[in-house]
Amino acid sequence: MPLLTTDTLRCAASSLVPDMDALTGAVASSITAELPELVRDARTEEFFRSTVLDNVVTALRVLSTGRDDEEFEAPPVTLEFARRLAQQGVPITVLLRAYRIGQAVFQQRVIARIAAGDVTAEQVAGATMALASLVFSFIDRVSEQVVAAYVRERDTWMRHHNALRLARVQALLDGRSSGTDELDAVLGFSSSRPMAGVVVWCGRETAEADRPGRLEKHLDRLAALSGAVPRPVLSVAPDSSTLWAWISCTRAGLTAVTAHPPEAPGDVRAAVGEPASGLDGFRVSHRQACQAQTIALAAGPGHTRPFLTSSQLGPLALVAAEVRDLRAWVGTVLGGLADDDENCARMRETVWSYLSSGSSLNAAAAELHLHKNTIQYRIRKAEETRGRPFSEGRVDVEVALLACRLLGDTVLRPVPPAPPRR
């Protein structure tokens, strides 16, 4: 349905045509003053000014004719500018903000020209209302096409560049490329600095369209908390729900993140390897992060961890690839203590605290906020449940308990429900 102008608005729009350069300059200057990132180089600035000019010309034509045809196409240079910003990584919100600023300046200039004419208050009101309606419709139509062009280009550009980075990273991981210069070029920082491999991933709870943004945002939080320098970090996407990354950080930085990991949005999770340097460190830390991810994915529902480091795995890192075979071994080591029930869980936690504190009843009692005699009683009952003292195969017991803590019912023995009482 056509949108109608008024004679007053048509006259004002026509009178602005001779002042097109001044009007275009005012709109462009207002936008760049607030959003300088839109014109990073001379070529981009040329596209920007052509975009402003074409939009101003088209908007004046719309005001003069009163029509914003439903088949209207945004000026080609406008779409090309949107694609260029997508390639440069300028957020779409910046581009939309530019249209809002431009709209405000344009309307102010047209209203000033209307008010300067020999018109009545009623004519000013009618022209202003028509102006607001027409310009809103025009901007809405243009921005819709611009966003579509931006998103298409951003998706294509990101897929292309991710594929190139992933190929280079995979070559370094597989040993098909072994040059330090190549590694430094891929990383974006010197490989002589300690770096930690990171895997960030999400599950089905996160909508596919939201995954890239959420993963990148969570990775940025991890990098910030670890004190990563420089930032941003290298990241590649092996699939649509996973990021591999390397951040430049020290062991102290990783310890700080481990103590207070960032809150993960939805089902986003992260696994981190130990900081190391050089090409070997690049490879080893990545493998460690993948091992931690394997353990995290194998954990039972009640043991889901949003953040896990390879240092927390202990000896389990050696069996990460065969984690599903652990249940039989855990059952052999712990005996009846491997049963998946509340009583055994309480005893396992007590034994873990006792053994990890150097078999100190006092230390375990302090950690669990229990009396020393209670600790002693539970240890005795746990040994009876296991079928032999913990001094027999103590190292195996500690590893088995660690597996229970990290993996839960993945390695525990299911306990059949008690028969109903008659």
Protein backbone atom coordinates (compact mmCIF):
# COMPACT_ATOMS: atom_id res chain seq x y z
CA MET A 1 0.00 0.00 0.00
CA PRO A 2 1.58 3.36 -0.99
CA LEU A 3 2.42 5.87 1.71
CA LEU A 4 1.23 9.39 0.80
CA THR A 5 3.27 12.54 1.18
CA THR A 6 1.91 16.10 1.43
CA ASP A 7 2.48 19.11 -0.78
CA THR A 8 4.42 20.76 2.06
CA LEU A 9 6.70 17.74 2.52
CA ARG A 10 7.16 17.37 -1.23
CA CYS A 11 8.24 20.99 -1.55
CA ALA A 12 10.66 20.70 1.37
CA ALA A 13 12.23 17.52 -0.06
CA SER A 14 12.58 19.10 -3.52
CA SER A 15 14.21 22.21 -2.04
CA LEU A 16 16.89 20.06 -0.40
CA VAL A 17 18.07 18.53 -3.68
CA PRO A 18 20.35 21.50 -4.56
CA ASP A 19 21.85 21.19 -1.05
CA MET A 20 22.47 17.46 -1.44
CA ASP A 21 26.21 17.67 -0.69
CA ALA A 22 25.66 19.59 2.55
CA LEU A 23 22.90 17.24 3.67
CA THR A 24 24.98 14.15 2.87
CA GLY A 25 28.00 15.65 4.65
CA ALA A 26 25.95 16.40 7.77
CA VAL A 27 24.59 12.85 7.93
CA ALA A 28 28.01 11.29 7.30
CA SER A 29 29.81 13.49 9.83
CA SER A 30 27.27 12.76 12.56
CA ILE A 31 27.65 9.01 12.02
CA THR A 32 31.45 8.91 11.91
CA ALA A 33 31.73 11.19 14.96
CA GLU A 34 29.99 8.52 17.04
CA LEU A 35 31.04 5.42 15.11
CA PRO A 36 34.60 5.93 13.78
CA GLU A 37 35.03 2.15 13.37
CA LEU A 38 32.86 2.34 10.25
CA VAL A 39 35.68 3.99 8.27
CA ARG A 40 38.84 2.06 9.13
CA ASP A 41 40.56 2.73 5.81
CA ALA A 42 40.26 4.90 2.71
CA ARG A 43 38.48 2.25 0.65
CA THR A 44 35.88 1.61 3.36
CA GLU A 45 35.35 5.35 3.80
CA GLU A 46 34.67 5.63 0.06
CA PHE A 47 31.99 2.93 0.32
CA PHE A 48 30.55 4.61 3.41
CA ARG A 49 30.14 8.05 1.80
CA SER A 50 28.68 6.52 -1.36
CA THR A 51 26.23 4.60 0.83
CA VAL A 52 25.14 7.75 2.65
CA LEU A 53 24.74 9.65 -0.62
CA ASP A 54 22.66 6.90 -2.27
CA ASN A 55 20.43 6.57 0.77
CA VAL A 56 19.86 10.33 1.01
CA VAL A 57 19.01 10.54 -2.71
CA THR A 58 16.60 7.61 -2.45
CA ALA A 59 15.00 8.96 0.74
CA LEU A 60 14.35 12.36 -0.88
CA ARG A 61 12.80 10.60 -3.85
CA VAL A 62 10.51 8.64 -1.50
CA LEU A 63 9.45 11.87 0.23
CA SER A 64 8.79 13.54 -3.11
CA THR A 65 6.70 10.72 -4.55
CA GLY A 66 5.15 9.45 -1.32
CA ARG A 67 5.85 5.90 -2.39
CA ASP A 68 7.97 3.24 -0.69
CA ASP A 69 7.34 0.39 -3.09
CA GLU A 70 7.28 -3.08 -1.52
CA GLU A 71 9.62 -4.23 -4.31
CA PHE A 72 12.09 -1.50 -3.45
CA GLU A 73 15.74 -2.66 -3.47
CA ALA A 74 18.43 -1.07 -1.34
CA PRO A 75 21.15 0.68 -3.37
CA PRO A 76 23.85 -1.82 -4.47
CA VAL A 77 26.61 0.19 -2.81
CA THR A 78 24.67 -0.02 0.47
CA LEU A 79 24.68 -3.81 0.36
CA GLU A 80 28.34 -3.88 -0.67
CA PHE A 81 29.22 -1.67 2.31
CA ALA A 82 27.37 -4.06 4.63
CA ARG A 83 29.30 -7.00 3.18
CA ARG A 84 32.60 -5.18 3.64
CA LEU A 85 31.82 -4.48 7.31
CA ALA A 86 30.98 -8.16 7.78
CA GLN A 87 34.39 -9.10 6.40
CA GLN A 88 36.08 -6.67 8.78
CA GLY A 89 34.23 -8.08 11.80
CA VAL A 90 32.36 -4.85 12.59
CA PRO A 91 29.30 -5.86 14.66
CA ILE A 92 25.92 -5.60 12.96
CA THR A 93 24.74 -3.48 15.91
CA VAL A 94 27.18 -0.76 14.83
CA LEU A 95 25.74 -0.71 11.32
CA LEU A 96 22.17 -0.50 12.60
CA ARG A 97 23.18 2.28 14.98
CA ALA A 98 24.56 4.19 12.00
CA TYR A 99 21.15 4.02 10.30
CA ARG A 100 19.41 5.35 13.42
CA ILE A 101 21.86 8.27 13.67
CA GLY A 102 21.50 9.03 9.98
CA GLN A 103 17.72 8.89 10.20
CA ALA A 104 17.67 11.37 13.08
CA VAL A 105 19.93 13.89 11.31
CA PHE A 106 18.04 13.56 8.02
CA GLN A 107 14.66 14.11 9.66
CA GLN A 108 15.94 17.14 11.60
CA ARG A 109 17.16 18.77 8.37
CA VAL A 110 13.87 18.10 6.57
CA ILE A 111 11.80 19.41 9.51
CA ALA A 112 13.90 22.55 9.62
CA ARG A 113 13.28 23.09 5.90
CA ILE A 114 9.52 22.55 6.37
CA ALA A 115 9.40 25.05 9.23
CA ALA A 116 11.32 27.62 7.17
CA GLY A 117 8.59 27.75 4.52
CA ASP A 118 5.46 29.90 4.40
CA VAL A 119 3.22 27.24 5.96
CA THR A 120 0.59 26.97 8.65
CA ALA A 121 0.95 25.01 11.87
CA GLU A 122 -1.52 22.47 10.49
CA GLN A 123 0.57 21.98 7.36
CA VAL A 124 3.74 21.56 9.45
CA ALA A 125 2.05 18.93 11.60
CA GLY A 126 0.76 17.00 8.59
CA ALA A 127 4.11 17.12 6.80
CA THR A 128 5.99 16.03 9.91
CA MET A 129 3.70 13.07 10.44
CA ALA A 130 4.07 12.00 6.82
CA LEU A 131 7.85 12.46 7.09
CA ALA A 132 8.10 10.23 10.16
CA SER A 133 5.97 7.51 8.55
CA LEU A 134 7.80 7.54 5.21
CA VAL A 135 11.32 7.66 6.65
CA PHE A 136 10.57 4.91 9.15
CA SER A 137 9.23 2.67 6.38
CA PHE A 138 12.24 3.45 4.18
CA ILE A 139 14.81 2.76 6.91
CA ASP A 140 12.99 -0.39 7.98
CA ARG A 141 13.03 -1.74 4.42
CA VAL A 142 16.68 -0.83 3.80
CA SER A 143 17.99 -2.11 7.14
CA GLU A 144 16.18 -5.42 6.62
CA GLN A 145 18.01 -5.96 3.33
CA VAL A 146 21.29 -4.71 4.79
CA VAL A 147 21.11 -7.14 7.71
CA ALA A 148 20.39 -10.02 5.37
CA ALA A 149 23.39 -9.12 3.18
CA TYR A 150 25.60 -8.71 6.25
CA VAL A 151 24.63 -12.06 7.77
CA ARG A 152 25.10 -13.96 4.51
CA GLU A 153 28.52 -12.43 3.97
CA ARG A 154 29.59 -12.92 7.60
CA ASP A 155 28.63 -16.59 7.50
CA THR A 156 30.46 -17.15 4.22
CA TRP A 157 33.52 -15.18 5.34
CA MET A 158 33.73 -16.92 8.70
CA ARG A 159 33.37 -20.38 7.18
CA HIS A 160 36.07 -19.64 4.63
CA HIS A 161 38.55 -18.19 7.12
CA ASN A 162 37.80 -20.82 9.74
CA ALA A 163 38.46 -23.53 7.15
CA LEU A 164 41.83 -21.99 6.30
CA ARG A 165 42.83 -21.60 9.96
CA LEU A 166 41.61 -25.09 10.82
CA ALA A 167 43.67 -26.58 7.99
CA ARG A 168 46.81 -24.79 9.22
CA VAL A 169 46.17 -25.76 12.84
CA GLN A 170 45.47 -29.39 11.92
CA ALA A 171 48.72 -29.52 9.94
CA LEU A 172 50.63 -28.33 13.00
CA LEU A 173 48.88 -30.80 15.30
CA ASP A 174 49.44 -33.72 12.92
CA GLY A 175 53.11 -32.93 12.33
CA ARG A 176 52.61 -32.08 8.64
CA SER A 177 53.90 -28.59 9.44
CA SER A 178 56.66 -28.11 11.97
CA GLY A 179 58.00 -24.60 11.51
CA THR A 180 58.09 -22.27 14.50
CA ASP A 181 57.46 -19.32 12.20
CA GLU A 182 54.30 -21.01 10.92
CA LEU A 183 53.13 -21.67 14.48
CA ASP A 184 53.76 -18.07 15.54
CA ALA A 185 51.88 -16.80 12.49
CA VAL A 186 48.90 -19.00 13.31
CA LEU A 187 48.92 -18.17 17.02
CA GLY A 188 49.32 -14.45 16.62
CA PHE A 189 51.86 -14.41 19.47
CA SER A 190 55.27 -15.94 20.16
CA SER A 191 55.18 -19.66 20.84
CA SER A 192 58.03 -19.18 23.30
CA ARG A 193 55.40 -17.95 25.75
CA PRO A 194 53.48 -20.52 27.79
CA MET A 195 50.13 -21.31 26.20
CA ALA A 196 47.19 -23.45 27.28
CA GLY A 197 45.07 -25.48 24.91
CA VAL A 198 41.33 -24.95 25.42
CA VAL A 199 38.26 -26.79 24.18
CA VAL A 200 34.92 -24.98 24.54
CA TRP A 201 31.74 -26.75 23.48
CA CYS A 202 27.99 -26.81 23.95
CA GLY A 203 25.15 -29.29 23.59
CA ARG A 204 21.70 -29.33 22.06
CA GLU A 205 20.31 -26.97 24.67
CA THR A 206 22.00 -24.08 22.85
CA ALA A 207 20.29 -23.15 19.57
CA GLU A 208 22.56 -23.61 16.56
CA ALA A 209 22.36 -19.94 15.59
CA ASP A 210 23.50 -18.90 19.08
CA ARG A 211 26.42 -21.31 19.36
CA PRO A 212 29.26 -19.32 17.72
CA GLY A 213 28.53 -16.20 19.77
CA ARG A 214 28.17 -18.03 23.08
CA LEU A 215 31.31 -20.10 22.57
CA GLU A 216 33.41 -17.08 21.61
CA LYS A 217 32.05 -15.05 24.52
CA HIS A 218 32.82 -17.79 27.03
CA LEU A 219 36.30 -18.20 25.57
CA ASP A 220 36.87 -14.45 25.97
CA ARG A 221 35.89 -14.72 29.65
CA LEU A 222 38.35 -17.57 30.21
CA ALA A 223 41.11 -15.62 28.48
CA ALA A 224 40.40 -12.50 30.53
CA LEU A 225 40.41 -14.36 33.85
CA SER A 226 43.64 -16.17 32.98
CA GLY A 227 45.37 -12.91 32.18
CA ALA A 228 45.95 -14.00 28.58
CA VAL A 229 48.27 -11.63 26.71
CA PRO A 230 47.78 -10.82 23.91
CA ARG A 231 44.08 -11.09 23.23
CA PRO A 232 42.03 -12.15 21.32
CA VAL A 233 43.23 -15.75 21.34
CA LEU A 234 43.58 -18.13 18.43
CA SER A 235 40.40 -20.14 17.97
CA VAL A 236 39.13 -22.50 15.27
CA ALA A 237 35.86 -24.42 15.00
CA PRO A 238 36.23 -28.12 14.14
CA ASP A 239 32.43 -28.35 14.11
CA SER A 240 29.38 -26.15 14.73
CA SER A 241 29.31 -26.73 18.51
CA THR A 242 33.04 -26.75 19.39
CA LEU A 243 35.96 -24.35 19.54
CA TRP A 244 39.62 -25.28 19.83
CA ALA A 245 41.72 -22.45 21.18
CA TRP A 246 45.12 -21.58 22.57
CA ILE A 247 45.56 -18.76 25.07
CA SER A 248 48.85 -17.26 26.17
CA CYS A 249 48.85 -17.70 29.95
CA THR A 250 50.97 -18.94 32.83
CA ARG A 251 50.23 -21.72 35.30
CA ALA A 252 49.35 -19.05 37.87
CA GLY A 253 46.77 -17.61 35.47
CA LEU A 254 45.24 -21.03 34.90
CA THR A 255 45.17 -21.67 38.64
CA ALA A 256 43.21 -18.44 39.11
CA VAL A 257 40.61 -19.57 36.57
CA THR A 258 40.39 -23.02 38.17
CA ALA A 259 39.73 -21.45 41.57
CA HIS A 260 36.99 -19.17 40.21
CA PRO A 261 35.84 -20.32 36.75
CA PRO A 262 33.46 -18.02 34.87
CA GLU A 263 29.77 -18.81 34.90
CA ALA A 264 28.92 -20.70 31.73
CA PRO A 265 25.77 -19.74 29.77
CA GLY A 266 23.36 -22.64 29.27
CA ASP A 267 25.16 -25.89 28.48
CA VAL A 268 28.45 -24.29 27.39
CA ARG A 269 31.44 -26.08 28.94
CA ALA A 270 35.24 -25.82 28.79
CA ALA A 271 38.29 -28.04 29.23
CA VAL A 272 41.86 -26.75 29.51
CA GLY A 273 45.31 -28.32 29.19
CA GLU A 274 48.47 -27.40 31.07
CA PRO A 275 50.38 -24.28 29.94
CA ALA A 276 53.44 -25.16 27.86
CA SER A 277 55.54 -23.48 25.18
CA GLY A 278 56.84 -24.26 21.72
CA LEU A 279 55.41 -26.57 19.09
CA ASP A 280 55.44 -29.56 21.46
CA GLY A 281 53.60 -27.50 24.07
CA PHE A 282 51.05 -26.44 21.44
CA ARG A 283 50.32 -30.08 20.66
CA VAL A 284 50.50 -31.55 24.16
CA SER A 285 48.32 -28.92 25.82
CA HIS A 286 45.68 -29.43 23.11
CA ARG A 287 45.70 -33.21 23.65
CA GLN A 288 45.35 -32.65 27.38
CA ALA A 289 42.36 -30.36 26.85
CA CYS A 290 40.76 -33.01 24.61
CA GLN A 291 41.37 -35.66 27.30
CA ALA A 292 39.66 -33.45 29.88
CA GLN A 293 36.75 -32.97 27.47
CA THR A 294 36.46 -36.75 27.05
CA ILE A 295 36.24 -37.23 30.81
CA ALA A 296 33.74 -34.36 31.14
CA LEU A 297 31.51 -35.82 28.43
CA ALA A 298 31.62 -39.28 30.00
CA ALA A 299 30.48 -38.05 33.43
CA GLY A 300 27.05 -39.00 34.70
CA PRO A 301 24.26 -36.38 34.80
CA GLY A 302 24.86 -35.58 38.47
CA HIS A 303 28.56 -34.97 37.88
CA THR A 304 28.46 -32.49 34.99
CA ARG A 305 31.30 -29.99 35.30
CA PRO A 306 31.21 -26.72 33.34
CA PHE A 307 34.99 -26.39 33.70
CA LEU A 308 37.69 -29.07 33.94
CA THR A 309 41.47 -28.92 33.63
CA SER A 310 43.83 -31.75 32.75
CA SER A 311 45.58 -31.31 36.11
CA GLN A 312 42.33 -32.30 37.83
CA LEU A 313 42.28 -35.64 35.99
CA GLY A 314 45.35 -37.10 37.66
CA PRO A 315 46.02 -40.66 36.43
CA LEU A 316 42.62 -40.70 34.67
CA ALA A 317 44.25 -38.79 31.82
CA LEU A 318 46.03 -42.02 30.89
CA VAL A 319 42.74 -43.85 30.33
CA ALA A 320 40.66 -41.00 28.88
CA ALA A 321 40.29 -42.76 25.54
CA GLU A 322 38.92 -45.91 27.20
CA VAL A 323 36.87 -44.27 29.92
CA ARG A 324 33.88 -46.58 29.39
CA ASP A 325 35.99 -49.59 30.39
CA LEU A 326 36.68 -48.10 33.81
CA ARG A 327 33.52 -49.43 35.47
CA ALA A 328 34.75 -53.01 35.69
CA TRP A 329 38.12 -51.93 37.06
CA VAL A 330 36.56 -49.56 39.61
CA GLY A 331 34.29 -52.37 40.78
CA THR A 332 37.26 -54.71 41.21
CA VAL A 333 39.24 -52.13 43.21
CA LEU A 334 36.44 -50.81 45.43
CA GLY A 335 34.28 -53.90 45.79
CA GLY A 336 30.94 -53.10 47.37
CA LEU A 337 32.04 -49.49 47.83
CA ALA A 338 31.45 -49.00 44.07
CA ASP A 339 27.68 -49.33 44.52
CA ASP A 340 25.71 -46.33 43.32
CA ASP A 341 23.76 -45.48 46.45
CA GLU A 342 23.73 -42.71 49.03
CA ASN A 343 25.42 -44.69 51.81
CA CYS A 344 28.37 -45.73 49.63
CA ALA A 345 28.67 -42.20 48.22
CA ARG A 346 29.03 -40.86 51.76
CA MET A 347 31.67 -43.48 52.62
CA ARG A 348 33.60 -42.83 49.38
CA GLU A 349 33.74 -39.10 50.11
CA THR A 350 35.02 -39.80 53.62
CA VAL A 351 37.70 -42.21 52.38
CA TRP A 352 38.77 -39.71 49.69
CA SER A 353 39.19 -36.96 52.24
CA TYR A 354 41.02 -39.31 54.61
CA LEU A 355 43.49 -40.65 52.04
CA SER A 356 44.12 -37.31 50.32
CA SER A 357 44.98 -35.75 53.68
CA GLY A 358 47.72 -38.31 54.34
CA SER A 359 45.47 -40.67 56.34
CA SER A 360 44.86 -38.00 58.97
CA LEU A 361 41.63 -38.44 60.91
CA ASN A 362 41.88 -34.90 62.26
CA ALA A 363 42.38 -33.33 58.82
CA ALA A 364 39.52 -35.31 57.31
CA ALA A 365 37.26 -34.41 60.23
CA ALA A 366 38.06 -30.70 59.78
CA GLU A 367 37.44 -30.83 56.02
CA LEU A 368 34.11 -32.64 56.33
CA HIS A 369 33.03 -30.82 59.50
CA LEU A 370 32.59 -34.11 61.38
CA HIS A 371 33.89 -35.57 64.62
CA LYS A 372 37.07 -37.62 64.39
CA ASN A 373 35.24 -40.67 65.76
CA THR A 374 32.68 -40.41 62.96
CA ILE A 375 35.50 -40.42 60.39
CA GLN A 376 37.06 -43.44 62.05
CA TYR A 377 33.73 -45.31 62.07
CA ARG A 378 33.06 -44.58 58.40
CA ILE A 379 36.56 -45.69 57.38
CA ARG A 380 36.06 -48.99 59.19
CA LYS A 381 32.64 -49.52 57.58
CA ALA A 382 34.06 -48.59 54.15
CA GLU A 383 36.82 -51.18 54.50
CA GLU A 384 34.22 -53.78 55.47
CA THR A 385 32.14 -52.83 52.44
CA ARG A 386 35.17 -53.03 50.19
CA GLY A 387 36.14 -56.38 51.62
CA ARG A 388 39.76 -55.54 52.48
CA PRO A 389 41.73 -52.67 54.07
CA PHE A 390 42.70 -49.61 52.08
CA SER A 391 46.37 -50.32 52.70
CA GLU A 392 46.02 -53.03 50.04
CA GLY A 393 46.34 -51.33 46.67
CA ARG A 394 46.08 -47.85 48.09
CA VAL A 395 47.16 -46.14 44.87
CA ASP A 396 44.48 -48.02 42.93
CA VAL A 397 41.91 -47.03 45.56
CA GLU A 398 42.74 -43.34 45.17
CA VAL A 399 42.52 -43.52 41.36
CA ALA A 400 39.22 -45.40 41.55
CA LEU A 401 37.80 -42.84 43.98
CA LEU A 402 38.91 -40.02 41.67
CA ALA A 403 37.07 -41.75 38.82
CA CYS A 404 33.93 -41.93 40.98
CA ARG A 405 34.19 -38.23 41.84
CA LEU A 406 34.60 -37.11 38.22
CA LEU A 407 32.43 -39.63 36.39
CA GLY A 408 29.70 -40.64 38.82
CA ASP A 409 27.34 -43.36 37.62
CA THR A 410 29.41 -43.87 34.46
CA VAL A 411 31.79 -46.01 36.56
CA LEU A 412 29.54 -46.92 39.52
CA ARG A 413 27.64 -50.18 39.82
CA PRO A 414 23.85 -49.76 39.54
CA VAL A 415 21.93 -50.85 42.61
CA PRO A 416 18.54 -52.48 41.97
CA PRO A 417 15.64 -50.77 43.75
CA ALA A 418 14.56 -52.34 47.02
CA PRO A 419 11.43 -54.54 46.72
CA PRO A 420 8.26 -52.82 47.96
CA ARG A 421 7.21 -53.62 51.50
CA ARG A 422 4.13 -55.77 51.95
